[in-house]
Structures are given as C-alpha cells and as structure tokens.
C-alpha cells in the first residue's frame, strides 16, 4: 500500500520549504517533490496545456510557467481547470514513487504544497514549515520580484498559513534565521523518528 511511511511536508509559498527540505535531506530523509513532478508533467503535456489555455503559454515546446501562473492566480476558474487536469496525473506519479519508498520501511517526506487544501493523500502525519504572512509577502517580493498585490494574490490562493500550522502534526518555525531553522529541523527530525 502506498504512503504507509510517508510524511507530508507543506507550508505556504515563501515559508522556506526548500531550505527545510535541504536540511532534512542532510539528516538522511528521502523526498518526493510534488512541484518537480508537476513541472515535469507540465512540460510533457505542453500540448494539452496549449489546448486548454492557448498557445501563448507555450515557448519552445515548454510551458511558460510564469505567464501561466499569472493567469491561474488571477482567475479562480482557470486555476481550477488546471488543477482538475494536472492533480490526478501528479497523484499517480507520487503514488508510484511512494510505493518504491515504502519498501524501505522508514519515514520519507513528500513535499505537497496543497496537502491540506486538496485532502487527496491518505497520509497520517504532516510537517508544516511556518513563517508569518507578512514574512511570506516580503520574501516573495524580494525573491521573485512580485509586486505586493501579486504576492498577496499567490498567498491567498493557498490555505492561510496559521490554519495549516494548526492542522500539522509537526511545525518547523522558519520565522527567524538559518541557525534557528537548522535547530527546528533537527528537533522535528527527532520527533518524526519516534513515530
């Protein structure tokens, strides 16, 4: 059965999931990354994306994710259309990888940004990487060059970070500095290995 030893990793956009993932990998955790799978599928299925949204979102047989992002974060119906197409495909790929990982009989982490929103994955335990909403906005502006409105639009497309935090089995607080993030990852690693 898939997902037996899985732990979901979630958080909000710009809460620091990538940084936490890097640290947790150094601690020996194996990962499945839903975003990487989604990006691969987008590029493999670029013709489908062109059929659904138009050729203007394709450049050199690849999906222009930034432009498609502007569309789907600005239009809920378009976002829903993309999710209905893409999410079942992502699930199948993650399930295949999870079956492989479960054979090791050790905890592994699946990075699923919309874990709580979609309620699609039968995973018992979850980790949320936390930073405040204001920190998310500031990080998106400085990291990705978004305007404040664009940053808020992307954050609002996900469940509020405080709600995710309340649903998590474990929380990694990334509201301070890198040393604190390392300490938090080490603390959560110990907790995860006890389950």
C-alpha atoms as a PDB file:
ATOM      1  CA  UNK A   1       0.000   0.000   0.000  1.00  0.00           C
ATOM      2  CA  UNK A   2       1.323   3.443  -0.904  1.00  0.00           C
ATOM      3  CA  UNK A   3       2.027   6.173   1.666  1.00  0.00           C
ATOM      4  CA  UNK A   4       2.442   3.827   4.661  1.00  0.00           C
ATOM      5  CA  UNK A   5       5.669   5.515   5.819  1.00  0.00           C
ATOM      6  CA  UNK A   6       5.023   8.883   4.204  1.00  0.00           C
ATOM      7  CA  UNK A   7       5.026  12.222   5.980  1.00  0.00           C
ATOM      8  CA  UNK A   8       3.578  15.190   4.119  1.00  0.00           C
ATOM      9  CA  UNK A   9       5.577  18.421   4.071  1.00  0.00           C
ATOM     10  CA  UNK A  10       3.580  21.568   3.469  1.00  0.00           C
ATOM     11  CA  UNK A  11       3.573  25.249   4.276  1.00  0.00           C
ATOM     12  CA  UNK A  12       2.771  28.367   2.350  1.00  0.00           C
ATOM     13  CA  UNK A  13       4.528  29.902  -0.592  1.00  0.00           C
ATOM     14  CA  UNK A  14       7.795  31.513   0.596  1.00  0.00           C
ATOM     15  CA  UNK A  15       7.715  29.943   4.060  1.00  0.00           C
ATOM     16  CA  UNK A  16      11.025  28.185   3.383  1.00  0.00           C
ATOM     17  CA  UNK A  17      10.059  24.632   2.428  1.00  0.00           C
ATOM     18  CA  UNK A  18      13.052  24.379   0.059  1.00  0.00           C
ATOM     19  CA  UNK A  19      15.506  25.402   2.770  1.00  0.00           C
ATOM     20  CA  UNK A  20      13.926  22.995   5.264  1.00  0.00           C
ATOM     21  CA  UNK A  21      13.995  20.228   2.635  1.00  0.00           C
ATOM     22  CA  UNK A  22      17.720  20.743   2.041  1.00  0.00           C
ATOM     23  CA  UNK A  23      18.423  20.460   5.765  1.00  0.00           C
ATOM     24  CA  UNK A  24      16.160  17.430   6.234  1.00  0.00           C
ATOM     25  CA  UNK A  25      17.870  15.700   3.289  1.00  0.00           C
ATOM     26  CA  UNK A  26      21.196  16.219   5.057  1.00  0.00           C
ATOM     27  CA  UNK A  27      19.654  14.369   8.005  1.00  0.00           C
ATOM     28  CA  UNK A  28      19.030  11.404   5.712  1.00  0.00           C
ATOM     29  CA  UNK A  29      15.364  11.778   4.812  1.00  0.00           C
ATOM     30  CA  UNK A  30      14.321  10.725   1.326  1.00  0.00           C
ATOM     31  CA  UNK A  31      11.986  13.076  -0.534  1.00  0.00           C
ATOM     32  CA  UNK A  32       9.331  13.092  -3.201  1.00  0.00           C
ATOM     33  CA  UNK A  33       8.731  16.588  -4.574  1.00  0.00           C
ATOM     34  CA  UNK A  34       5.227  17.259  -5.928  1.00  0.00           C
ATOM     35  CA  UNK A  35       6.301  20.554  -7.542  1.00  0.00           C
ATOM     36  CA  UNK A  36       9.104  18.876  -9.505  1.00  0.00           C
ATOM     37  CA  UNK A  37       6.674  16.228 -10.666  1.00  0.00           C
ATOM     38  CA  UNK A  38       4.163  18.942 -11.642  1.00  0.00           C
ATOM     39  CA  UNK A  39       6.805  20.867 -13.630  1.00  0.00           C
ATOM     40  CA  UNK A  40       7.873  17.706 -15.442  1.00  0.00           C
ATOM     41  CA  UNK A  41       4.270  16.839 -16.277  1.00  0.00           C
ATOM     42  CA  UNK A  42       3.570  20.392 -17.474  1.00  0.00           C
ATOM     43  CA  UNK A  43       6.442  20.144 -19.928  1.00  0.00           C
ATOM     44  CA  UNK A  44       5.496  16.632 -21.050  1.00  0.00           C
ATOM     45  CA  UNK A  45       1.854  17.656 -21.511  1.00  0.00           C
ATOM     46  CA  UNK A  46       2.504  21.095 -23.022  1.00  0.00           C
ATOM     47  CA  UNK A  47       0.180  20.344 -25.947  1.00  0.00           C
ATOM     48  CA  UNK A  48      -2.679  19.701 -23.525  1.00  0.00           C
ATOM     49  CA  UNK A  49      -1.890  22.991 -21.779  1.00  0.00           C
ATOM     50  CA  UNK A  50      -1.930  24.769 -25.152  1.00  0.00           C
ATOM     51  CA  UNK A  51      -5.308  23.191 -25.946  1.00  0.00           C
ATOM     52  CA  UNK A  52      -6.765  24.238 -22.594  1.00  0.00           C
ATOM     53  CA  UNK A  53      -5.262  27.723 -22.194  1.00  0.00           C
ATOM     54  CA  UNK A  54      -3.865  28.713 -25.587  1.00  0.00           C
ATOM     55  CA  UNK A  55      -0.554  28.670 -27.453  1.00  0.00           C
ATOM     56  CA  UNK A  56       0.605  31.921 -25.862  1.00  0.00           C
ATOM     57  CA  UNK A  57       1.551  29.939 -22.727  1.00  0.00           C
ATOM     58  CA  UNK A  58       3.984  27.736 -24.659  1.00  0.00           C
ATOM     59  CA  UNK A  59       7.521  28.740 -25.658  1.00  0.00           C
ATOM     60  CA  UNK A  60       9.810  26.287 -27.491  1.00  0.00           C
ATOM     61  CA  UNK A  61       7.604  23.289 -26.623  1.00  0.00           C
ATOM     62  CA  UNK A  62       7.628  24.139 -22.920  1.00  0.00           C
ATOM     63  CA  UNK A  63       5.057  25.740 -20.668  1.00  0.00           C
ATOM     64  CA  UNK A  64       5.861  29.320 -19.733  1.00  0.00           C
ATOM     65  CA  UNK A  65       5.107  28.775 -16.044  1.00  0.00           C
ATOM     66  CA  UNK A  66       5.441  32.413 -15.064  1.00  0.00           C
ATOM     67  CA  UNK A  67       2.813  33.533 -17.603  1.00  0.00           C
ATOM     68  CA  UNK A  68       0.546  30.594 -16.825  1.00  0.00           C
ATOM     69  CA  UNK A  69       0.956  31.454 -13.142  1.00  0.00           C
ATOM     70  CA  UNK A  70      -0.263  34.991 -13.764  1.00  0.00           C
ATOM     71  CA  UNK A  71      -3.349  33.580 -15.456  1.00  0.00           C
ATOM     72  CA  UNK A  72      -4.257  30.962 -12.870  1.00  0.00           C
ATOM     73  CA  UNK A  73      -3.547  33.100  -9.828  1.00  0.00           C
ATOM     74  CA  UNK A  74      -5.696  35.857 -11.300  1.00  0.00           C
ATOM     75  CA  UNK A  75      -8.640  33.645 -12.286  1.00  0.00           C
ATOM     76  CA  UNK A  76     -10.026  31.032  -9.900  1.00  0.00           C
ATOM     77  CA  UNK A  77     -11.898  29.171 -12.652  1.00  0.00           C
ATOM     78  CA  UNK A  78      -8.692  28.830 -14.725  1.00  0.00           C
ATOM     79  CA  UNK A  79      -6.782  27.633 -11.655  1.00  0.00           C
ATOM     80  CA  UNK A  80      -9.488  25.027 -11.015  1.00  0.00           C
ATOM     81  CA  UNK A  81      -9.321  23.923 -14.652  1.00  0.00           C
ATOM     82  CA  UNK A  82      -5.549  23.426 -14.431  1.00  0.00           C
ATOM     83  CA  UNK A  83      -5.840  21.576 -11.117  1.00  0.00           C
ATOM     84  CA  UNK A  84      -8.528  19.247 -12.469  1.00  0.00           C
ATOM     85  CA  UNK A  85      -6.253  18.343 -15.370  1.00  0.00           C
ATOM     86  CA  UNK A  86      -2.938  18.170 -13.524  1.00  0.00           C
ATOM     87  CA  UNK A  87      -3.629  16.908  -9.988  1.00  0.00           C
ATOM     88  CA  UNK A  88      -4.767  13.362 -10.911  1.00  0.00           C
ATOM     89  CA  UNK A  89      -1.599  12.989 -13.013  1.00  0.00           C
ATOM     90  CA  UNK A  90       0.570  14.267 -10.156  1.00  0.00           C
ATOM     91  CA  UNK A  91      -1.134  11.907  -7.715  1.00  0.00           C
ATOM     92  CA  UNK A  92      -0.419   8.864  -9.920  1.00  0.00           C
ATOM     93  CA  UNK A  93       3.279   9.779 -10.184  1.00  0.00           C
ATOM     94  CA  UNK A  94       3.602  10.417  -6.441  1.00  0.00           C
ATOM     95  CA  UNK A  95       1.802   7.161  -5.668  1.00  0.00           C
ATOM     96  CA  UNK A  96       4.273   5.239  -7.866  1.00  0.00           C
ATOM     97  CA  UNK A  97       7.220   6.859  -6.073  1.00  0.00           C
ATOM     98  CA  UNK A  98       5.621   6.283  -2.650  1.00  0.00           C
ATOM     99  CA  UNK A  99       5.275   2.544  -3.327  1.00  0.00           C
ATOM    100  CA  UNK A 100       9.033   2.427  -4.025  1.00  0.00           C
ATOM    101  CA  UNK A 101       9.843   4.402  -0.863  1.00  0.00           C
ATOM    102  CA  UNK A 102       7.561   2.314   1.379  1.00  0.00           C
ATOM    103  CA  UNK A 103       9.702  -0.753   0.598  1.00  0.00           C
ATOM    104  CA  UNK A 104      12.470   0.762   2.783  1.00  0.00           C
ATOM    105  CA  UNK A 105      10.080   0.718   5.810  1.00  0.00           C
ATOM    106  CA  UNK A 106      11.439   4.063   7.017  1.00  0.00           C
ATOM    107  CA  UNK A 107       9.849   7.522   7.135  1.00  0.00           C
ATOM    108  CA  UNK A 108      10.180   9.583   3.963  1.00  0.00           C
ATOM    109  CA  UNK A 109       8.815  13.003   3.131  1.00  0.00           C
ATOM    110  CA  UNK A 110       6.516  14.064   0.314  1.00  0.00           C
ATOM    111  CA  UNK A 111       6.590  17.805  -0.339  1.00  0.00           C
ATOM    112  CA  UNK A 112       2.954  18.606  -1.198  1.00  0.00           C
ATOM    113  CA  UNK A 113       2.215  22.362  -1.141  1.00  0.00           C
ATOM    114  CA  UNK A 114      -1.582  21.856  -1.300  1.00  0.00           C
ATOM    115  CA  UNK A 115      -1.715  18.864   1.051  1.00  0.00           C
ATOM    116  CA  UNK A 116      -4.342  20.356   3.357  1.00  0.00           C
ATOM    117  CA  UNK A 117      -6.306  22.125   0.624  1.00  0.00           C
ATOM    118  CA  UNK A 118      -6.871  19.082  -1.564  1.00  0.00           C
ATOM    119  CA  UNK A 119      -7.168  16.334   1.076  1.00  0.00           C
ATOM    120  CA  UNK A 120      -6.226  13.890  -1.674  1.00  0.00           C
ATOM    121  CA  UNK A 121      -3.400  11.973   0.007  1.00  0.00           C
ATOM    122  CA  UNK A 122      -4.002   9.317   2.699  1.00  0.00           C
ATOM    123  CA  UNK A 123      -1.032  10.434   4.793  1.00  0.00           C
ATOM    124  CA  UNK A 124      -1.372  10.390   8.572  1.00  0.00           C
ATOM    125  CA  UNK A 125       1.428  12.751   9.661  1.00  0.00           C
ATOM    126  CA  UNK A 126       2.408  16.160   8.345  1.00  0.00           C
ATOM    127  CA  UNK A 127       5.082  18.797   8.796  1.00  0.00           C
ATOM    128  CA  UNK A 128       4.342  22.465   8.150  1.00  0.00           C
ATOM    129  CA  UNK A 129       7.161  24.928   7.536  1.00  0.00           C
ATOM    130  CA  UNK A 130       5.948  28.147   9.102  1.00  0.00           C
ATOM    131  CA  UNK A 131       6.643  31.837   8.553  1.00  0.00           C
ATOM    132  CA  UNK A 132       4.191  34.661   9.158  1.00  0.00           C
ATOM    133  CA  UNK A 133       2.028  36.020   6.343  1.00  0.00           C
ATOM    134  CA  UNK A 134       3.971  39.292   6.361  1.00  0.00           C
ATOM    135  CA  UNK A 135       7.245  37.364   6.046  1.00  0.00           C
ATOM    136  CA  UNK A 136       5.773  35.428   3.116  1.00  0.00           C
ATOM    137  CA  UNK A 137       4.854  38.690   1.373  1.00  0.00           C
ATOM    138  CA  UNK A 138       8.287  40.230   1.992  1.00  0.00           C
ATOM    139  CA  UNK A 139      10.100  37.098   0.796  1.00  0.00           C
ATOM    140  CA  UNK A 140       8.020  36.831  -2.387  1.00  0.00           C
ATOM    141  CA  UNK A 141       8.677  40.479  -3.224  1.00  0.00           C
ATOM    142  CA  UNK A 142      12.436  40.202  -2.647  1.00  0.00           C
ATOM    143  CA  UNK A 143      12.889  36.654  -4.004  1.00  0.00           C
ATOM    144  CA  UNK A 144      10.646  36.674  -7.076  1.00  0.00           C
ATOM    145  CA  UNK A 145      10.266  40.372  -7.789  1.00  0.00           C
ATOM    146  CA  UNK A 146       6.489  40.289  -7.366  1.00  0.00           C
ATOM    147  CA  UNK A 147       4.562  43.416  -6.516  1.00  0.00           C
ATOM    148  CA  UNK A 148       2.840  43.376  -3.120  1.00  0.00           C
ATOM    149  CA  UNK A 149      -0.508  42.701  -4.849  1.00  0.00           C
ATOM    150  CA  UNK A 150       0.947  39.772  -6.855  1.00  0.00           C
ATOM    151  CA  UNK A 151       2.491  38.321  -3.695  1.00  0.00           C
ATOM    152  CA  UNK A 152      -0.793  38.567  -1.810  1.00  0.00           C
ATOM    153  CA  UNK A 153      -2.676  37.021  -4.738  1.00  0.00           C
ATOM    154  CA  UNK A 154      -0.413  33.954  -4.641  1.00  0.00           C
ATOM    155  CA  UNK A 155      -0.559  33.637  -0.861  1.00  0.00           C
ATOM    156  CA  UNK A 156      -4.350  33.951  -0.892  1.00  0.00           C
ATOM    157  CA  UNK A 157      -4.584  31.087  -3.415  1.00  0.00           C
ATOM    158  CA  UNK A 158      -3.494  28.746  -0.602  1.00  0.00           C
ATOM    159  CA  UNK A 159      -4.938  27.969   2.801  1.00  0.00           C
ATOM    160  CA  UNK A 160      -3.907  30.524   5.425  1.00  0.00           C
ATOM    161  CA  UNK A 161      -0.560  29.570   6.972  1.00  0.00           C
ATOM    162  CA  UNK A 162      -1.977  29.843  10.503  1.00  0.00           C
ATOM    163  CA  UNK A 163      -4.649  27.270   9.624  1.00  0.00           C
ATOM    164  CA  UNK A 164      -2.055  24.934   8.121  1.00  0.00           C
ATOM    165  CA  UNK A 165       0.039  25.341  11.251  1.00  0.00           C
ATOM    166  CA  UNK A 166      -2.930  24.308  13.404  1.00  0.00           C
ATOM    167  CA  UNK A 167      -3.514  21.150  11.306  1.00  0.00           C
ATOM    168  CA  UNK A 168       0.108  19.957  11.296  1.00  0.00           C
ATOM    169  CA  UNK A 169       1.491  17.018  13.258  1.00  0.00           C
ATOM    170  CA  UNK A 170       4.802  18.909  13.483  1.00  0.00           C
ATOM    171  CA  UNK A 171       5.759  22.559  12.843  1.00  0.00           C
ATOM    172  CA  UNK A 172       9.150  23.829  11.695  1.00  0.00           C
ATOM    173  CA  UNK A 173       9.320  27.513  12.626  1.00  0.00           C
ATOM    174  CA  UNK A 174      11.174  29.406   9.884  1.00  0.00           C
ATOM    175  CA  UNK A 175      10.400  32.897  11.122  1.00  0.00           C
ATOM    176  CA  UNK A 176      13.918  33.588  12.365  1.00  0.00           C
ATOM    177  CA  UNK A 177      17.408  32.903  10.983  1.00  0.00           C
ATOM    178  CA  UNK A 178      19.101  29.924   9.299  1.00  0.00           C
ATOM    179  CA  UNK A 179      20.593  28.637  12.573  1.00  0.00           C
ATOM    180  CA  UNK A 180      17.117  28.564  14.105  1.00  0.00           C
ATOM    181  CA  UNK A 181      15.787  26.739  11.030  1.00  0.00           C
ATOM    182  CA  UNK A 182      18.531  24.105  11.432  1.00  0.00           C
ATOM    183  CA  UNK A 183      17.638  23.685  15.109  1.00  0.00           C
ATOM    184  CA  UNK A 184      13.949  23.361  14.218  1.00  0.00           C
ATOM    185  CA  UNK A 185      14.667  20.741  11.543  1.00  0.00           C
ATOM    186  CA  UNK A 186      16.787  18.756  13.988  1.00  0.00           C
ATOM    187  CA  UNK A 187      14.033  18.928  16.630  1.00  0.00           C
ATOM    188  CA  UNK A 188      11.373  17.739  14.176  1.00  0.00           C
ATOM    189  CA  UNK A 189      13.679  15.010  12.842  1.00  0.00           C
ATOM    190  CA  UNK A 190      13.822  13.550  16.357  1.00  0.00           C
ATOM    191  CA  UNK A 191      10.041  13.677  16.701  1.00  0.00           C
ATOM    192  CA  UNK A 192       9.452  12.081  13.284  1.00  0.00           C
ATOM    193  CA  UNK A 193      11.824   9.202  14.044  1.00  0.00           C
ATOM    194  CA  UNK A 194       9.829   8.427  17.208  1.00  0.00           C
ATOM    195  CA  UNK A 195       6.542   7.775  15.362  1.00  0.00           C
END
